[in-house]
Amino acid sequence: MPHSFGYRARTRHMFAKGFRNHGPVKLSTYMHIYKIGDIVDIKADGSVQKGMPHKFYHGRTGIVFNVTKSAVGVIVNKKVGNRYIEKRVNIRIEHVKHSKCRDDFLNRVKDNAAKVKAAHESGVRVLLKRQPEMPRPAHTVSSRNNAPVTLAPIPYDTLI
């Protein structure tokens, strides 16, 4: 039970970079464009101390509300007691990345638009709702070239 309650207390593994990923930040990190309304994941980079978020926000997802030349403002929902508080955090761009949480949805929107266009041209209705995968149809297994095998447990034996 440690008794120090510093800003980075108990973050030894949280802020550590992965195996063979040490060193300076890649330049592609600085080439990403962030716009207001983008959904971003917060992941603190231990090699950059400036603009690092508090450990609470590490691994959280938020929405960009402000963009400056070297940082972004992110809105994150924090659960306090029985309610959620909207927290506004300013974080340097080394510690954020675009979230992939909407990629599946956006791809589905594009596919649905293509399906609607094709259906409109052919004059047939199309179902856009995602359907659960149904059980496989019934089938019989031939035992002609596939003899049944009787399974039995191997008797326990000490190997010492």
N, C-alpha and C. Protein backbone atom coordinates (compact mmCIF):
# COMPACT_ATOMS: atom_id res chain seq x y z
N MET A 1 0.84 -1.19 0.00
CA MET A 1 0.00 0.00 0.00
C MET A 1 0.88 1.25 0.00
N PRO A 2 1.15 1.79 -1.17
CA PRO A 2 1.98 2.99 -1.22
C PRO A 2 1.26 4.19 -0.63
N HIS A 3 2.03 5.13 -0.16
CA HIS A 3 1.44 6.30 0.48
C HIS A 3 1.78 7.58 -0.26
N SER A 4 2.18 7.48 -1.52
CA SER A 4 2.40 8.69 -2.31
C SER A 4 1.26 8.80 -3.30
N PHE A 5 0.71 9.98 -3.43
CA PHE A 5 -0.46 10.17 -4.27
C PHE A 5 -0.16 11.21 -5.34
N GLY A 6 0.97 11.05 -6.01
CA GLY A 6 1.37 11.99 -7.04
C GLY A 6 0.52 11.85 -8.29
N TYR A 7 0.77 12.77 -9.23
CA TYR A 7 -0.01 12.81 -10.47
C TYR A 7 0.19 11.54 -11.29
N ARG A 8 1.42 10.96 -11.23
CA ARG A 8 1.71 9.76 -12.00
C ARG A 8 1.90 8.54 -11.10
N ALA A 9 1.32 8.56 -9.93
CA ALA A 9 1.50 7.45 -9.01
C ALA A 9 0.88 6.18 -9.58
N ARG A 10 1.58 5.06 -9.44
CA ARG A 10 1.14 3.73 -9.88
C ARG A 10 0.85 3.67 -11.38
N THR A 11 1.76 4.23 -12.16
CA THR A 11 1.61 4.18 -13.63
C THR A 11 2.82 3.52 -14.26
N ARG A 12 3.56 2.70 -13.51
CA ARG A 12 4.79 2.11 -14.01
C ARG A 12 4.58 1.33 -15.30
N HIS A 13 3.55 0.52 -15.34
CA HIS A 13 3.29 -0.29 -16.54
C HIS A 13 2.34 0.42 -17.50
N MET A 14 1.48 1.26 -16.97
CA MET A 14 0.48 1.94 -17.80
C MET A 14 1.13 2.85 -18.84
N PHE A 15 2.13 3.62 -18.43
CA PHE A 15 2.75 4.58 -19.34
C PHE A 15 4.01 4.02 -20.00
N ALA A 16 4.35 2.77 -19.75
CA ALA A 16 5.55 2.18 -20.36
C ALA A 16 5.27 1.86 -21.82
N LYS A 17 6.27 2.08 -22.66
CA LYS A 17 6.11 1.73 -24.07
C LYS A 17 6.34 0.23 -24.24
N GLY A 18 5.78 -0.32 -25.29
CA GLY A 18 5.86 -1.75 -25.51
C GLY A 18 7.24 -2.22 -25.91
N PHE A 19 7.41 -3.53 -25.93
CA PHE A 19 8.69 -4.13 -26.30
C PHE A 19 9.06 -3.74 -27.73
N ARG A 20 10.26 -3.24 -27.92
CA ARG A 20 10.81 -2.79 -29.21
C ARG A 20 10.02 -1.61 -29.78
N ASN A 21 9.34 -0.88 -28.93
CA ASN A 21 8.64 0.33 -29.36
C ASN A 21 9.15 1.56 -28.64
N HIS A 22 10.34 1.48 -28.04
CA HIS A 22 10.90 2.60 -27.30
C HIS A 22 11.45 3.63 -28.28
N GLY A 23 11.80 4.78 -27.75
CA GLY A 23 12.42 5.81 -28.57
C GLY A 23 11.49 6.96 -28.86
N PRO A 24 11.93 7.84 -29.77
CA PRO A 24 11.14 9.04 -30.06
C PRO A 24 9.83 8.72 -30.78
N VAL A 25 8.96 9.70 -30.80
CA VAL A 25 7.65 9.55 -31.43
C VAL A 25 7.82 9.55 -32.94
N LYS A 26 7.08 8.68 -33.62
CA LYS A 26 7.14 8.63 -35.09
C LYS A 26 6.53 9.90 -35.67
N LEU A 27 7.07 10.34 -36.80
CA LEU A 27 6.61 11.59 -37.40
C LEU A 27 5.18 11.50 -37.90
N SER A 28 4.72 10.29 -38.22
CA SER A 28 3.35 10.14 -38.71
C SER A 28 2.34 10.55 -37.64
N THR A 29 2.76 10.51 -36.36
CA THR A 29 1.87 10.93 -35.28
C THR A 29 1.48 12.39 -35.44
N TYR A 30 2.43 13.21 -35.92
CA TYR A 30 2.18 14.64 -36.05
C TYR A 30 1.46 14.99 -37.35
N MET A 31 1.32 14.04 -38.26
CA MET A 31 0.71 14.30 -39.56
C MET A 31 -0.80 14.09 -39.55
N HIS A 32 -1.34 13.51 -38.49
CA HIS A 32 -2.78 13.27 -38.43
C HIS A 32 -3.53 14.59 -38.28
N ILE A 33 -4.67 14.69 -38.93
CA ILE A 33 -5.49 15.89 -38.87
C ILE A 33 -6.67 15.61 -37.96
N TYR A 34 -6.85 16.47 -36.97
CA TYR A 34 -7.97 16.35 -36.04
C TYR A 34 -8.92 17.51 -36.26
N LYS A 35 -10.20 17.20 -36.33
CA LYS A 35 -11.23 18.22 -36.51
C LYS A 35 -12.21 18.15 -35.35
N ILE A 36 -12.92 19.23 -35.13
CA ILE A 36 -13.91 19.26 -34.06
C ILE A 36 -15.00 18.23 -34.37
N GLY A 37 -15.32 17.41 -33.39
CA GLY A 37 -16.32 16.37 -33.57
C GLY A 37 -15.72 15.00 -33.81
N ASP A 38 -14.40 14.92 -34.07
CA ASP A 38 -13.76 13.62 -34.26
C ASP A 38 -13.78 12.82 -32.96
N ILE A 39 -13.89 11.50 -33.10
CA ILE A 39 -13.83 10.62 -31.94
C ILE A 39 -12.40 10.11 -31.82
N VAL A 40 -11.79 10.29 -30.65
CA VAL A 40 -10.39 9.93 -30.46
C VAL A 40 -10.24 9.04 -29.23
N ASP A 41 -9.22 8.19 -29.29
CA ASP A 41 -8.84 7.37 -28.14
C ASP A 41 -7.66 8.04 -27.45
N ILE A 42 -7.70 8.09 -26.14
CA ILE A 42 -6.61 8.69 -25.37
C ILE A 42 -5.69 7.57 -24.90
N LYS A 43 -4.42 7.66 -25.32
CA LYS A 43 -3.42 6.68 -24.92
C LYS A 43 -2.14 7.45 -24.63
N ALA A 44 -1.81 7.60 -23.36
CA ALA A 44 -0.66 8.41 -22.98
C ALA A 44 0.64 7.77 -23.46
N ASP A 45 1.52 8.57 -24.03
CA ASP A 45 2.83 8.13 -24.51
C ASP A 45 3.86 8.53 -23.46
N GLY A 46 4.49 7.54 -22.84
CA GLY A 46 5.41 7.81 -21.75
C GLY A 46 6.66 8.56 -22.14
N SER A 47 6.99 8.60 -23.44
CA SER A 47 8.21 9.29 -23.86
C SER A 47 7.99 10.79 -24.03
N VAL A 48 6.76 11.25 -23.94
CA VAL A 48 6.46 12.68 -24.04
C VAL A 48 5.73 13.08 -22.76
N GLN A 49 6.40 13.89 -21.92
CA GLN A 49 5.78 14.26 -20.65
C GLN A 49 4.87 15.47 -20.80
N LYS A 50 5.14 16.32 -21.79
CA LYS A 50 4.31 17.51 -21.97
C LYS A 50 2.92 17.11 -22.46
N GLY A 51 1.92 17.75 -21.92
CA GLY A 51 0.56 17.53 -22.39
C GLY A 51 0.02 16.15 -22.13
N MET A 52 0.62 15.43 -21.18
CA MET A 52 0.17 14.07 -20.89
C MET A 52 -1.10 14.13 -20.04
N PRO A 53 -2.10 13.31 -20.36
CA PRO A 53 -3.33 13.32 -19.55
C PRO A 53 -3.12 12.60 -18.22
N HIS A 54 -4.04 12.82 -17.32
CA HIS A 54 -4.03 12.10 -16.04
C HIS A 54 -4.29 10.63 -16.31
N LYS A 55 -3.79 9.78 -15.41
CA LYS A 55 -3.91 8.34 -15.62
C LYS A 55 -5.36 7.87 -15.74
N PHE A 56 -6.31 8.62 -15.19
CA PHE A 56 -7.72 8.23 -15.30
C PHE A 56 -8.16 8.19 -16.75
N TYR A 57 -7.66 9.10 -17.58
CA TYR A 57 -8.13 9.23 -18.95
C TYR A 57 -7.42 8.28 -19.91
N HIS A 58 -6.41 7.57 -19.45
CA HIS A 58 -5.68 6.63 -20.30
C HIS A 58 -6.61 5.49 -20.71
N GLY A 59 -6.78 5.29 -22.00
CA GLY A 59 -7.67 4.24 -22.51
C GLY A 59 -9.10 4.68 -22.71
N ARG A 60 -9.41 5.95 -22.47
CA ARG A 60 -10.77 6.45 -22.64
C ARG A 60 -10.98 6.97 -24.06
N THR A 61 -12.22 7.07 -24.45
CA THR A 61 -12.59 7.60 -25.76
C THR A 61 -13.39 8.86 -25.55
N GLY A 62 -13.08 9.88 -26.37
CA GLY A 62 -13.79 11.15 -26.23
C GLY A 62 -13.97 11.82 -27.57
N ILE A 63 -14.57 13.01 -27.54
CA ILE A 63 -14.88 13.78 -28.74
C ILE A 63 -14.08 15.07 -28.70
N VAL A 64 -13.46 15.42 -29.83
CA VAL A 64 -12.64 16.63 -29.91
C VAL A 64 -13.56 17.84 -29.92
N PHE A 65 -13.29 18.81 -29.03
CA PHE A 65 -14.07 20.05 -29.01
C PHE A 65 -13.22 21.27 -29.33
N ASN A 66 -11.89 21.13 -29.33
CA ASN A 66 -11.01 22.25 -29.59
C ASN A 66 -9.73 21.73 -30.22
N VAL A 67 -9.19 22.48 -31.20
CA VAL A 67 -7.96 22.08 -31.87
C VAL A 67 -7.00 23.25 -31.86
N THR A 68 -5.77 23.01 -31.38
CA THR A 68 -4.71 24.00 -31.46
C THR A 68 -3.57 23.41 -32.28
N LYS A 69 -2.46 24.14 -32.39
CA LYS A 69 -1.40 23.66 -33.28
C LYS A 69 -0.71 22.41 -32.75
N SER A 70 -0.67 22.22 -31.44
CA SER A 70 0.03 21.05 -30.92
C SER A 70 -0.81 20.21 -29.96
N ALA A 71 -2.05 20.58 -29.76
CA ALA A 71 -2.89 19.84 -28.81
C ALA A 71 -4.34 19.86 -29.26
N VAL A 72 -5.13 19.01 -28.63
CA VAL A 72 -6.57 18.98 -28.88
C VAL A 72 -7.29 18.97 -27.54
N GLY A 73 -8.48 19.54 -27.52
CA GLY A 73 -9.34 19.46 -26.36
C GLY A 73 -10.32 18.33 -26.57
N VAL A 74 -10.47 17.48 -25.56
CA VAL A 74 -11.30 16.28 -25.69
C VAL A 74 -12.34 16.27 -24.57
N ILE A 75 -13.58 15.96 -24.94
CA ILE A 75 -14.66 15.79 -23.96
C ILE A 75 -14.75 14.31 -23.61
N VAL A 76 -14.63 14.01 -22.32
CA VAL A 76 -14.70 12.63 -21.84
C VAL A 76 -15.75 12.57 -20.75
N ASN A 77 -16.57 11.53 -20.76
CA ASN A 77 -17.57 11.34 -19.71
C ASN A 77 -16.94 10.58 -18.55
N LYS A 78 -17.03 11.16 -17.36
CA LYS A 78 -16.46 10.54 -16.16
C LYS A 78 -17.59 10.21 -15.19
N LYS A 79 -17.61 8.97 -14.72
CA LYS A 79 -18.65 8.56 -13.78
C LYS A 79 -18.24 8.98 -12.38
N VAL A 80 -19.06 9.80 -11.76
CA VAL A 80 -18.82 10.26 -10.39
C VAL A 80 -20.09 9.96 -9.60
N GLY A 81 -20.00 9.01 -8.70
CA GLY A 81 -21.18 8.62 -7.93
C GLY A 81 -22.20 7.95 -8.83
N ASN A 82 -23.40 8.53 -8.92
CA ASN A 82 -24.45 7.93 -9.74
C ASN A 82 -24.72 8.74 -10.99
N ARG A 83 -23.79 9.58 -11.41
CA ARG A 83 -24.00 10.41 -12.59
C ARG A 83 -22.72 10.48 -13.42
N TYR A 84 -22.86 10.95 -14.64
CA TYR A 84 -21.72 11.15 -15.53
C TYR A 84 -21.47 12.65 -15.67
N ILE A 85 -20.21 13.04 -15.50
CA ILE A 85 -19.82 14.44 -15.64
C ILE A 85 -19.01 14.57 -16.92
N GLU A 86 -19.30 15.61 -17.68
CA GLU A 86 -18.58 15.86 -18.93
C GLU A 86 -17.29 16.60 -18.58
N LYS A 87 -16.15 15.93 -18.75
CA LYS A 87 -14.86 16.53 -18.44
C LYS A 87 -14.21 16.99 -19.74
N ARG A 88 -13.62 18.17 -19.71
CA ARG A 88 -12.91 18.71 -20.87
C ARG A 88 -11.42 18.69 -20.55
N VAL A 89 -10.67 17.94 -21.36
CA VAL A 89 -9.25 17.71 -21.11
C VAL A 89 -8.46 18.20 -22.31
N ASN A 90 -7.39 18.95 -22.06
CA ASN A 90 -6.48 19.38 -23.13
C ASN A 90 -5.29 18.45 -23.16
N ILE A 91 -5.07 17.83 -24.32
CA ILE A 91 -4.06 16.78 -24.45
C ILE A 91 -3.25 17.04 -25.71
N ARG A 92 -1.94 16.85 -25.62
CA ARG A 92 -1.12 16.98 -26.83
C ARG A 92 -1.39 15.82 -27.77
N ILE A 93 -1.11 16.04 -29.06
CA ILE A 93 -1.51 15.05 -30.07
C ILE A 93 -0.71 13.76 -30.01
N GLU A 94 0.42 13.75 -29.28
CA GLU A 94 1.16 12.50 -29.12
C GLU A 94 0.37 11.49 -28.30
N HIS A 95 -0.58 11.97 -27.53
CA HIS A 95 -1.30 11.10 -26.60
C HIS A 95 -2.71 10.74 -27.10
N VAL A 96 -3.07 11.11 -28.33
CA VAL A 96 -4.39 10.75 -28.86
C VAL A 96 -4.22 10.12 -30.23
N LYS A 97 -5.22 9.35 -30.64
CA LYS A 97 -5.26 8.78 -31.98
C LYS A 97 -6.73 8.64 -32.38
N HIS A 98 -6.96 8.63 -33.68
CA HIS A 98 -8.33 8.49 -34.16
C HIS A 98 -8.89 7.14 -33.74
N SER A 99 -10.12 7.15 -33.25
CA SER A 99 -10.77 5.92 -32.80
C SER A 99 -11.34 5.16 -33.99
N LYS A 100 -11.33 3.84 -33.88
CA LYS A 100 -11.89 3.00 -34.94
C LYS A 100 -13.29 2.52 -34.58
N CYS A 101 -13.89 3.13 -33.55
CA CYS A 101 -15.18 2.64 -33.07
C CYS A 101 -16.31 2.89 -34.06
N ARG A 102 -16.16 3.87 -34.96
CA ARG A 102 -17.23 4.16 -35.91
C ARG A 102 -16.96 3.58 -37.29
N ASP A 103 -15.81 2.94 -37.50
CA ASP A 103 -15.46 2.43 -38.82
C ASP A 103 -16.49 1.42 -39.32
N ASP A 104 -16.89 0.49 -38.45
CA ASP A 104 -17.86 -0.53 -38.83
C ASP A 104 -19.19 0.11 -39.24
N PHE A 105 -19.61 1.10 -38.46
CA PHE A 105 -20.87 1.79 -38.75
C PHE A 105 -20.79 2.54 -40.08
N LEU A 106 -19.70 3.27 -40.31
CA LEU A 106 -19.57 4.04 -41.55
C LEU A 106 -19.49 3.13 -42.77
N ASN A 107 -18.80 1.99 -42.64
CA ASN A 107 -18.74 1.03 -43.75
C ASN A 107 -20.13 0.47 -44.03
N ARG A 108 -20.92 0.22 -42.97
CA ARG A 108 -22.27 -0.30 -43.16
C ARG A 108 -23.15 0.73 -43.84
N VAL A 109 -22.97 2.01 -43.51
CA VAL A 109 -23.74 3.07 -44.16
C VAL A 109 -23.44 3.11 -45.65
N LYS A 110 -22.15 3.00 -46.02
CA LYS A 110 -21.77 3.01 -47.44
C LYS A 110 -22.36 1.80 -48.16
N ASP A 111 -22.26 0.62 -47.54
CA ASP A 111 -22.81 -0.58 -48.16
C ASP A 111 -24.32 -0.47 -48.34
N ASN A 112 -25.01 0.07 -47.33
CA ASN A 112 -26.46 0.23 -47.43
C ASN A 112 -26.84 1.21 -48.53
N ALA A 113 -26.06 2.28 -48.69
CA ALA A 113 -26.34 3.24 -49.75
C ALA A 113 -26.19 2.59 -51.12
N ALA A 114 -25.14 1.76 -51.26
CA ALA A 114 -24.94 1.05 -52.53
C ALA A 114 -26.08 0.06 -52.79
N LYS A 115 -26.53 -0.64 -51.74
CA LYS A 115 -27.64 -1.59 -51.89
C LYS A 115 -28.92 -0.88 -52.28
N VAL A 116 -29.20 0.27 -51.66
CA VAL A 116 -30.41 1.03 -51.97
C VAL A 116 -30.38 1.51 -53.41
N LYS A 117 -29.22 1.98 -53.85
CA LYS A 117 -29.10 2.47 -55.22
C LYS A 117 -29.33 1.34 -56.23
N ALA A 118 -28.70 0.17 -55.97
CA ALA A 118 -28.88 -0.97 -56.87
C ALA A 118 -30.34 -1.45 -56.86
N ALA A 119 -30.96 -1.46 -55.68
CA ALA A 119 -32.35 -1.90 -55.58
C ALA A 119 -33.29 -0.92 -56.27
N HIS A 120 -32.98 0.37 -56.18
CA HIS A 120 -33.82 1.39 -56.82
C HIS A 120 -33.77 1.26 -58.34
N GLU A 121 -32.58 0.93 -58.85
CA GLU A 121 -32.45 0.76 -60.30
C GLU A 121 -33.16 -0.49 -60.78
N SER A 122 -33.09 -1.57 -59.99
CA SER A 122 -33.71 -2.82 -60.41
C SER A 122 -35.19 -2.89 -60.02
N GLY A 123 -35.64 -1.99 -59.14
CA GLY A 123 -37.05 -1.94 -58.77
C GLY A 123 -37.46 -3.02 -57.79
N VAL A 124 -36.55 -3.47 -56.96
CA VAL A 124 -36.87 -4.51 -55.98
C VAL A 124 -36.56 -3.96 -54.58
N ARG A 125 -37.30 -4.44 -53.58
CA ARG A 125 -37.05 -4.00 -52.21
C ARG A 125 -35.85 -4.73 -51.62
N VAL A 126 -35.14 -4.04 -50.76
CA VAL A 126 -33.96 -4.64 -50.14
C VAL A 126 -34.07 -4.47 -48.63
N LEU A 127 -33.63 -5.49 -47.89
CA LEU A 127 -33.66 -5.46 -46.43
C LEU A 127 -32.30 -4.97 -45.93
N LEU A 128 -32.28 -3.87 -45.21
CA LEU A 128 -31.02 -3.27 -44.76
C LEU A 128 -30.67 -3.63 -43.32
N LYS A 129 -31.62 -4.20 -42.59
CA LYS A 129 -31.33 -4.54 -41.20
C LYS A 129 -30.35 -5.70 -41.11
N ARG A 130 -29.51 -5.64 -40.10
CA ARG A 130 -28.60 -6.76 -39.86
C ARG A 130 -29.40 -7.92 -39.28
N GLN A 131 -29.23 -9.09 -39.85
CA GLN A 131 -29.97 -10.27 -39.40
C GLN A 131 -29.03 -11.19 -38.63
N PRO A 132 -29.49 -11.78 -37.54
CA PRO A 132 -28.63 -12.74 -36.84
C PRO A 132 -28.41 -13.97 -37.71
N GLU A 133 -27.26 -14.57 -37.57
CA GLU A 133 -26.95 -15.75 -38.37
C GLU A 133 -27.81 -16.91 -37.90
N MET A 134 -28.50 -17.53 -38.84
CA MET A 134 -29.42 -18.60 -38.52
C MET A 134 -28.66 -19.91 -38.34
N PRO A 135 -29.29 -20.91 -37.68
CA PRO A 135 -28.62 -22.20 -37.53
C PRO A 135 -28.42 -22.86 -38.89
N ARG A 136 -27.40 -23.70 -38.97
CA ARG A 136 -27.15 -24.39 -40.23
C ARG A 136 -28.28 -25.38 -40.52
N PRO A 137 -28.58 -25.60 -41.79
CA PRO A 137 -29.65 -26.55 -42.12
C PRO A 137 -29.25 -27.98 -41.74
N ALA A 138 -30.28 -28.83 -41.55
CA ALA A 138 -30.04 -30.22 -41.15
C ALA A 138 -29.36 -30.97 -42.28
N HIS A 139 -28.49 -31.91 -41.91
CA HIS A 139 -27.83 -32.75 -42.91
C HIS A 139 -27.47 -34.08 -42.25
N THR A 140 -27.23 -35.09 -43.07
CA THR A 140 -26.85 -36.41 -42.55
C THR A 140 -25.38 -36.64 -42.84
N VAL A 141 -24.75 -37.36 -41.94
CA VAL A 141 -23.33 -37.67 -42.09
C VAL A 141 -23.23 -39.13 -42.50
N SER A 142 -22.59 -39.38 -43.60
CA SER A 142 -22.44 -40.76 -44.09
C SER A 142 -21.34 -41.46 -43.30
N SER A 143 -21.60 -42.72 -42.94
CA SER A 143 -20.59 -43.48 -42.21
C SER A 143 -19.93 -44.53 -43.11
N ARG A 144 -20.12 -44.41 -44.41
CA ARG A 144 -19.55 -45.39 -45.34
C ARG A 144 -18.02 -45.32 -45.31
N ASN A 145 -17.46 -44.15 -45.56
CA ASN A 145 -16.00 -43.98 -45.52
C ASN A 145 -15.56 -43.20 -44.29
N ASN A 146 -16.45 -43.12 -43.33
CA ASN A 146 -16.19 -42.31 -42.15
C ASN A 146 -16.67 -43.10 -40.94
N ALA A 147 -15.88 -44.08 -40.55
CA ALA A 147 -16.28 -44.97 -39.46
C ALA A 147 -16.33 -44.21 -38.14
N PRO A 148 -17.36 -44.48 -37.31
CA PRO A 148 -17.43 -43.81 -36.01
C PRO A 148 -16.26 -44.22 -35.12
N VAL A 149 -15.79 -43.30 -34.33
CA VAL A 149 -14.67 -43.55 -33.41
C VAL A 149 -15.21 -43.45 -31.99
N THR A 150 -14.90 -44.46 -31.19
CA THR A 150 -15.31 -44.44 -29.80
C THR A 150 -14.23 -43.73 -28.99
N LEU A 151 -14.63 -42.73 -28.26
CA LEU A 151 -13.68 -41.98 -27.45
C LEU A 151 -13.72 -42.48 -26.02
N ALA A 152 -12.54 -42.62 -25.43
CA ALA A 152 -12.45 -43.04 -24.04
C ALA A 152 -11.32 -42.25 -23.39
N PRO A 153 -11.48 -41.91 -22.13
CA PRO A 153 -10.40 -41.16 -21.47
C PRO A 153 -9.16 -42.02 -21.28
N ILE A 154 -8.00 -41.37 -21.31
CA ILE A 154 -6.74 -42.07 -21.08
C ILE A 154 -6.61 -42.29 -19.57
N PRO A 155 -6.27 -43.51 -19.15
CA PRO A 155 -6.15 -43.75 -17.70
C PRO A 155 -5.00 -42.93 -17.11
N TYR A 156 -5.25 -42.43 -15.90
CA TYR A 156 -4.24 -41.59 -15.23
C TYR A 156 -3.05 -42.43 -14.82
N ASP A 157 -1.85 -41.91 -15.07
CA ASP A 157 -0.64 -42.62 -14.68
C ASP A 157 0.40 -41.58 -14.28
N THR A 158 1.05 -41.80 -13.15
CA THR A 158 2.09 -40.86 -12.73
C THR A 158 3.33 -41.08 -13.57
N LEU A 159 3.91 -39.99 -14.01
CA LEU A 159 5.09 -40.08 -14.88
C LEU A 159 6.37 -39.79 -14.11
N ILE A 160 6.32 -39.90 -12.79
CA ILE A 160 7.52 -39.60 -11.99
C ILE A 160 8.33 -40.86 -11.79
